[in-house]
Every structure is written in C-alpha cells, then in structure tokens.
Amino acid sequence: MSHTPPGVHETLGQAIGRALAEVIVAGVLIAIGLFVGLWVGPPIGALIALRFRNYQGAGWTAAALAVLQPIWVVVLALVLTNLVHNTGGVGSILYPVAFYVLATAVPPWPARALALLLLRRRG
C-alpha cells in the first residue's frame, strides 16, 4: 500500500487555497498570542517588580492592571487602526511601534493610582 504525502494530487488552485488558509491561521494565532501577551505580561511584571521593591498593594496594582490592560489594548487598537487607515507611508510603519509603547506604558499609571486609592480607603 503506497502512502502519498498531502498535497501531491491537488490542483494549483487547491495548493494556493491551502497556503492562504495556513497563512491566515498563523496570522490569527500570532494576533491572539500578542493580545494575550500584552494582557498577561504587564500584570505579572508589575506584580514581580512591585513585590521585589516591597511596595504596598502590589497585588491590587497587578489586579487593576489585569482589568485595565485588555480594555486599553482594544481601545488603542481601534483608534490606531483608524488613524493608520487614514494615513499612509511612515504612519503605517510607525503603527506597531506606537501601539507597543502605548499599550505597555499607559495602563500601569491608572492601575497604580487605583490600587493606592483602594489602599487608602481600606486603611
């Protein structure tokens, strides 16, 4: 019994369709990985850094950041996508850099402020 590898008996259109499907699946997986990474990474990093420095409310800050981070990433993606859609050239090249910087640099400030506010109210 002879075993033929997949794709040997497919037409050119089928091969192109399969290749496109693989590229789309890879793109979706990368997008999901980036979103989850931008969601999980900053709260874990904040928790570790704040505990290492013995800051009061490190857990509250990480929890607030875990809530704020995905909301901010979605809002930022919508706003920057709209801006890039209306611009071209250098604007579209700087989009990933601006997205990453704003996605990671902005949410820690309100998260820490919220945690300190909660600690003051409790104590």
N, C-alpha and C. Protein backbone atom coordinates (compact mmCIF):
# COMPACT_ATOMS: atom_id res chain seq x y z
N MET A 1 0.84 -1.16 0.00
CA MET A 1 0.00 0.00 0.00
C MET A 1 0.90 1.24 0.00
N SER A 2 0.68 2.09 -0.95
CA SER A 2 1.51 3.28 -1.13
C SER A 2 0.90 4.47 -0.40
N HIS A 3 1.75 5.19 0.30
CA HIS A 3 1.28 6.39 1.00
C HIS A 3 1.84 7.62 0.29
N THR A 4 0.94 8.52 -0.11
CA THR A 4 1.39 9.75 -0.76
C THR A 4 1.26 10.91 0.22
N PRO A 5 2.23 11.79 0.22
CA PRO A 5 2.17 12.93 1.12
C PRO A 5 1.02 13.87 0.74
N PRO A 6 0.50 14.63 1.71
CA PRO A 6 -0.58 15.54 1.40
C PRO A 6 -0.15 16.60 0.40
N GLY A 7 -1.04 16.97 -0.49
CA GLY A 7 -0.77 18.00 -1.47
C GLY A 7 -0.21 17.49 -2.78
N VAL A 8 0.07 16.20 -2.89
CA VAL A 8 0.66 15.68 -4.12
C VAL A 8 -0.35 15.69 -5.26
N HIS A 9 -1.60 15.37 -4.98
CA HIS A 9 -2.62 15.27 -6.03
C HIS A 9 -3.57 16.47 -6.04
N GLU A 10 -3.13 17.61 -5.57
CA GLU A 10 -4.02 18.77 -5.57
C GLU A 10 -3.70 19.69 -6.74
N THR A 11 -4.71 20.43 -7.14
CA THR A 11 -4.52 21.37 -8.25
C THR A 11 -3.81 22.61 -7.74
N LEU A 12 -3.41 23.47 -8.67
CA LEU A 12 -2.73 24.71 -8.30
C LEU A 12 -3.64 25.58 -7.43
N GLY A 13 -4.93 25.66 -7.78
CA GLY A 13 -5.88 26.45 -7.00
C GLY A 13 -6.02 25.91 -5.59
N GLN A 14 -6.05 24.58 -5.44
CA GLN A 14 -6.15 23.98 -4.12
C GLN A 14 -4.89 24.25 -3.30
N ALA A 15 -3.73 24.19 -3.95
CA ALA A 15 -2.47 24.46 -3.25
C ALA A 15 -2.41 25.90 -2.78
N ILE A 16 -2.85 26.82 -3.64
CA ILE A 16 -2.85 28.23 -3.25
C ILE A 16 -3.85 28.46 -2.12
N GLY A 17 -5.02 27.85 -2.20
CA GLY A 17 -6.02 27.97 -1.14
C GLY A 17 -5.53 27.42 0.18
N ARG A 18 -4.86 26.27 0.13
CA ARG A 18 -4.31 25.68 1.35
C ARG A 18 -3.23 26.58 1.95
N ALA A 19 -2.36 27.12 1.09
CA ALA A 19 -1.30 28.01 1.57
C ALA A 19 -1.90 29.28 2.20
N LEU A 20 -2.92 29.84 1.56
CA LEU A 20 -3.57 31.03 2.12
C LEU A 20 -4.22 30.72 3.46
N ALA A 21 -4.87 29.57 3.56
CA ALA A 21 -5.50 29.18 4.82
C ALA A 21 -4.46 29.03 5.92
N GLU A 22 -3.30 28.46 5.60
CA GLU A 22 -2.24 28.30 6.59
C GLU A 22 -1.71 29.66 7.04
N VAL A 23 -1.58 30.60 6.11
CA VAL A 23 -1.10 31.94 6.45
C VAL A 23 -2.12 32.65 7.34
N ILE A 24 -3.40 32.52 7.02
CA ILE A 24 -4.45 33.16 7.81
C ILE A 24 -4.48 32.58 9.22
N VAL A 25 -4.39 31.27 9.33
CA VAL A 25 -4.39 30.63 10.66
C VAL A 25 -3.17 31.09 11.46
N ALA A 26 -2.02 31.16 10.81
CA ALA A 26 -0.81 31.62 11.51
C ALA A 26 -0.98 33.07 11.96
N GLY A 27 -1.55 33.92 11.12
CA GLY A 27 -1.78 35.32 11.49
C GLY A 27 -2.73 35.45 12.67
N VAL A 28 -3.80 34.66 12.66
CA VAL A 28 -4.76 34.69 13.77
C VAL A 28 -4.09 34.23 15.06
N LEU A 29 -3.30 33.17 15.00
CA LEU A 29 -2.61 32.68 16.19
C LEU A 29 -1.60 33.70 16.72
N ILE A 30 -0.91 34.39 15.82
CA ILE A 30 0.04 35.42 16.25
C ILE A 30 -0.71 36.58 16.90
N ALA A 31 -1.83 36.99 16.31
CA ALA A 31 -2.62 38.08 16.89
C ALA A 31 -3.14 37.71 18.28
N ILE A 32 -3.63 36.49 18.42
CA ILE A 32 -4.11 36.03 19.73
C ILE A 32 -2.95 35.99 20.73
N GLY A 33 -1.81 35.51 20.30
CA GLY A 33 -0.63 35.46 21.16
C GLY A 33 -0.18 36.84 21.60
N LEU A 34 -0.19 37.81 20.68
CA LEU A 34 0.19 39.18 21.04
C LEU A 34 -0.81 39.78 22.03
N PHE A 35 -2.10 39.56 21.79
CA PHE A 35 -3.11 40.11 22.69
C PHE A 35 -2.98 39.50 24.08
N VAL A 36 -2.84 38.18 24.14
CA VAL A 36 -2.70 37.52 25.44
C VAL A 36 -1.39 37.95 26.11
N GLY A 37 -0.33 38.07 25.32
CA GLY A 37 0.95 38.51 25.88
C GLY A 37 0.88 39.92 26.43
N LEU A 38 0.16 40.81 25.72
CA LEU A 38 0.00 42.18 26.22
C LEU A 38 -0.97 42.24 27.39
N TRP A 39 -1.78 41.20 27.55
CA TRP A 39 -2.73 41.18 28.66
C TRP A 39 -2.09 40.58 29.91
N VAL A 40 -1.40 39.48 29.76
CA VAL A 40 -0.87 38.74 30.90
C VAL A 40 0.51 39.26 31.33
N GLY A 41 1.33 39.64 30.39
CA GLY A 41 2.70 40.05 30.71
C GLY A 41 2.82 41.24 31.64
N PRO A 42 2.16 42.36 31.33
CA PRO A 42 2.31 43.52 32.22
C PRO A 42 1.84 43.31 33.66
N PRO A 43 0.68 42.66 33.90
CA PRO A 43 0.32 42.45 35.31
C PRO A 43 1.31 41.56 36.06
N ILE A 44 1.80 40.53 35.41
CA ILE A 44 2.78 39.66 36.06
C ILE A 44 4.07 40.43 36.33
N GLY A 45 4.51 41.20 35.34
CA GLY A 45 5.71 42.00 35.52
C GLY A 45 5.56 43.03 36.63
N ALA A 46 4.38 43.67 36.68
CA ALA A 46 4.13 44.66 37.74
C ALA A 46 4.14 43.99 39.12
N LEU A 47 3.50 42.84 39.21
CA LEU A 47 3.45 42.13 40.49
C LEU A 47 4.86 41.77 40.96
N ILE A 48 5.66 41.23 40.08
CA ILE A 48 7.02 40.83 40.44
C ILE A 48 7.85 42.06 40.83
N ALA A 49 7.79 43.12 40.01
CA ALA A 49 8.60 44.31 40.28
C ALA A 49 8.18 45.00 41.57
N LEU A 50 6.88 45.12 41.79
CA LEU A 50 6.42 45.82 42.99
C LEU A 50 6.67 45.00 44.26
N ARG A 51 6.54 43.70 44.16
CA ARG A 51 6.85 42.86 45.33
C ARG A 51 8.34 42.87 45.63
N PHE A 52 9.15 42.88 44.59
CA PHE A 52 10.60 42.92 44.76
C PHE A 52 11.02 44.20 45.49
N ARG A 53 10.32 45.28 45.20
CA ARG A 53 10.62 46.56 45.84
C ARG A 53 9.83 46.79 47.13
N ASN A 54 9.09 45.79 47.56
CA ASN A 54 8.28 45.85 48.78
C ASN A 54 7.25 46.98 48.78
N TYR A 55 6.65 47.24 47.62
CA TYR A 55 5.61 48.25 47.54
C TYR A 55 4.32 47.70 48.13
N GLN A 56 3.63 48.55 48.86
CA GLN A 56 2.35 48.16 49.43
C GLN A 56 1.33 48.11 48.29
N GLY A 57 0.52 47.08 48.31
CA GLY A 57 -0.54 46.96 47.31
C GLY A 57 -0.09 46.42 45.97
N ALA A 58 0.97 45.64 45.95
CA ALA A 58 1.45 45.09 44.68
C ALA A 58 0.39 44.21 44.02
N GLY A 59 -0.29 43.40 44.83
CA GLY A 59 -1.34 42.54 44.28
C GLY A 59 -2.52 43.33 43.73
N TRP A 60 -2.91 44.40 44.45
CA TRP A 60 -4.00 45.25 43.97
C TRP A 60 -3.63 45.92 42.65
N THR A 61 -2.39 46.37 42.55
CA THR A 61 -1.94 47.02 41.32
C THR A 61 -1.96 46.03 40.16
N ALA A 62 -1.47 44.82 40.38
CA ALA A 62 -1.47 43.81 39.32
C ALA A 62 -2.89 43.44 38.92
N ALA A 63 -3.79 43.34 39.89
CA ALA A 63 -5.19 43.01 39.58
C ALA A 63 -5.84 44.13 38.78
N ALA A 64 -5.60 45.38 39.19
CA ALA A 64 -6.16 46.51 38.43
C ALA A 64 -5.59 46.56 37.02
N LEU A 65 -4.31 46.27 36.90
CA LEU A 65 -3.67 46.26 35.59
C LEU A 65 -4.23 45.13 34.72
N ALA A 66 -4.52 44.00 35.33
CA ALA A 66 -5.09 42.88 34.58
C ALA A 66 -6.48 43.23 34.03
N VAL A 67 -7.20 44.09 34.73
CA VAL A 67 -8.52 44.51 34.25
C VAL A 67 -8.38 45.63 33.21
N LEU A 68 -7.52 46.59 33.47
CA LEU A 68 -7.37 47.74 32.58
C LEU A 68 -6.64 47.42 31.28
N GLN A 69 -5.68 46.53 31.32
CA GLN A 69 -4.83 46.25 30.16
C GLN A 69 -5.61 45.80 28.93
N PRO A 70 -6.48 44.79 29.00
CA PRO A 70 -7.17 44.38 27.76
C PRO A 70 -8.12 45.45 27.23
N ILE A 71 -8.74 46.21 28.13
CA ILE A 71 -9.63 47.28 27.68
C ILE A 71 -8.82 48.33 26.92
N TRP A 72 -7.68 48.72 27.48
CA TRP A 72 -6.82 49.71 26.85
C TRP A 72 -6.28 49.21 25.52
N VAL A 73 -5.88 47.95 25.44
CA VAL A 73 -5.32 47.41 24.20
C VAL A 73 -6.38 47.43 23.09
N VAL A 74 -7.62 47.07 23.41
CA VAL A 74 -8.67 47.06 22.40
C VAL A 74 -8.98 48.49 21.94
N VAL A 75 -9.12 49.42 22.89
CA VAL A 75 -9.40 50.82 22.53
C VAL A 75 -8.25 51.38 21.69
N LEU A 76 -7.04 51.13 22.12
CA LEU A 76 -5.86 51.61 21.39
C LEU A 76 -5.79 51.02 19.99
N ALA A 77 -6.07 49.74 19.87
CA ALA A 77 -6.05 49.11 18.54
C ALA A 77 -7.10 49.73 17.62
N LEU A 78 -8.28 50.00 18.14
CA LEU A 78 -9.33 50.62 17.33
C LEU A 78 -8.94 52.03 16.90
N VAL A 79 -8.41 52.81 17.82
CA VAL A 79 -8.03 54.19 17.50
C VAL A 79 -6.87 54.22 16.51
N LEU A 80 -5.82 53.47 16.80
CA LEU A 80 -4.65 53.49 15.92
C LEU A 80 -4.93 52.87 14.56
N THR A 81 -5.80 51.86 14.51
CA THR A 81 -6.16 51.27 13.23
C THR A 81 -6.88 52.30 12.37
N ASN A 82 -7.76 53.07 12.99
CA ASN A 82 -8.46 54.12 12.26
C ASN A 82 -7.48 55.19 11.78
N LEU A 83 -6.53 55.57 12.62
CA LEU A 83 -5.54 56.56 12.22
C LEU A 83 -4.66 56.06 11.08
N VAL A 84 -4.21 54.82 11.17
CA VAL A 84 -3.35 54.26 10.13
C VAL A 84 -4.13 54.07 8.84
N HIS A 85 -5.40 53.74 8.96
CA HIS A 85 -6.22 53.57 7.77
C HIS A 85 -6.33 54.89 6.99
N ASN A 86 -6.32 56.00 7.71
CA ASN A 86 -6.44 57.30 7.08
C ASN A 86 -5.10 57.93 6.73
N THR A 87 -4.01 57.27 7.05
CA THR A 87 -2.69 57.77 6.70
C THR A 87 -1.96 56.67 5.93
N GLY A 88 -0.83 57.00 5.42
CA GLY A 88 -0.04 56.01 4.70
C GLY A 88 1.43 56.23 4.95
N GLY A 89 2.24 55.45 4.29
CA GLY A 89 3.68 55.61 4.36
C GLY A 89 4.26 55.41 5.73
N VAL A 90 4.91 56.45 6.26
CA VAL A 90 5.60 56.37 7.53
C VAL A 90 4.63 56.09 8.68
N GLY A 91 3.41 56.65 8.60
CA GLY A 91 2.41 56.41 9.64
C GLY A 91 2.12 54.94 9.83
N SER A 92 2.01 54.22 8.73
CA SER A 92 1.72 52.79 8.84
C SER A 92 2.94 52.00 9.29
N ILE A 93 4.11 52.53 9.09
CA ILE A 93 5.33 51.86 9.56
C ILE A 93 5.50 52.06 11.06
N LEU A 94 5.15 53.25 11.55
CA LEU A 94 5.30 53.55 12.97
C LEU A 94 4.18 52.98 13.83
N TYR A 95 3.11 52.52 13.21
CA TYR A 95 1.95 51.98 13.94
C TYR A 95 2.33 50.89 14.93
N PRO A 96 3.06 49.85 14.55
CA PRO A 96 3.39 48.80 15.54
C PRO A 96 4.23 49.33 16.70
N VAL A 97 5.14 50.23 16.43
CA VAL A 97 5.98 50.79 17.49
C VAL A 97 5.13 51.61 18.46
N ALA A 98 4.29 52.49 17.91
CA ALA A 98 3.42 53.33 18.75
C ALA A 98 2.46 52.46 19.55
N PHE A 99 1.92 51.43 18.90
CA PHE A 99 0.97 50.54 19.58
C PHE A 99 1.63 49.87 20.77
N TYR A 100 2.82 49.31 20.57
CA TYR A 100 3.50 48.60 21.64
C TYR A 100 3.86 49.53 22.79
N VAL A 101 4.40 50.70 22.47
CA VAL A 101 4.80 51.64 23.51
C VAL A 101 3.59 52.10 24.31
N LEU A 102 2.52 52.51 23.62
CA LEU A 102 1.34 52.98 24.32
C LEU A 102 0.61 51.86 25.06
N ALA A 103 0.61 50.66 24.49
CA ALA A 103 -0.08 49.53 25.13
C ALA A 103 0.58 49.12 26.43
N THR A 104 1.88 49.26 26.52
CA THR A 104 2.57 48.83 27.73
C THR A 104 2.87 49.97 28.70
N ALA A 105 2.96 51.21 28.22
CA ALA A 105 3.38 52.31 29.08
C ALA A 105 2.24 53.03 29.77
N VAL A 106 1.05 53.04 29.20
CA VAL A 106 -0.03 53.84 29.76
C VAL A 106 -0.79 53.15 30.90
N PRO A 107 -1.23 51.90 30.79
CA PRO A 107 -2.08 51.30 31.83
C PRO A 107 -1.48 51.18 33.23
N PRO A 108 -0.17 51.06 33.42
CA PRO A 108 0.34 50.96 34.79
C PRO A 108 0.04 52.18 35.66
N TRP A 109 -0.02 53.36 35.08
CA TRP A 109 -0.26 54.58 35.87
C TRP A 109 -1.65 54.58 36.50
N PRO A 110 -2.73 54.41 35.72
CA PRO A 110 -4.04 54.38 36.39
C PRO A 110 -4.22 53.15 37.27
N ALA A 111 -3.58 52.04 36.94
CA ALA A 111 -3.70 50.85 37.78
C ALA A 111 -3.07 51.10 39.15
N ARG A 112 -1.90 51.72 39.17
CA ARG A 112 -1.24 52.00 40.44
C ARG A 112 -2.03 53.04 41.23
N ALA A 113 -2.57 54.05 40.54
CA ALA A 113 -3.38 55.07 41.22
C ALA A 113 -4.63 54.45 41.83
N LEU A 114 -5.26 53.54 41.11
CA LEU A 114 -6.45 52.87 41.62
C LEU A 114 -6.11 52.01 42.84
N ALA A 115 -4.99 51.30 42.77
CA ALA A 115 -4.58 50.46 43.90
C ALA A 115 -4.29 51.31 45.13
N LEU A 116 -3.61 52.44 44.96
CA LEU A 116 -3.31 53.32 46.10
C LEU A 116 -4.59 53.92 46.67
N LEU A 117 -5.54 54.26 45.81
CA LEU A 117 -6.83 54.77 46.28
C LEU A 117 -7.56 53.72 47.11
N LEU A 118 -7.57 52.49 46.63
CA LEU A 118 -8.21 51.40 47.38
C LEU A 118 -7.51 51.16 48.72
N LEU A 119 -6.20 51.24 48.74
CA LEU A 119 -5.45 51.04 49.99
C LEU A 119 -5.74 52.16 50.98
N ARG A 120 -5.87 53.38 50.51
CA ARG A 120 -6.18 54.50 51.41
C ARG A 120 -7.57 54.36 52.00
N ARG A 121 -8.50 53.89 51.19
CA ARG A 121 -9.88 53.72 51.66
C ARG A 121 -9.98 52.61 52.70
N ARG A 122 -9.16 51.56 52.54
CA ARG A 122 -9.18 50.44 53.48
C ARG A 122 -8.47 50.75 54.78
N GLY A 123 -7.44 51.57 54.69
CA GLY A 123 -6.58 51.71 55.85
C GLY A 123 -6.71 52.98 56.56
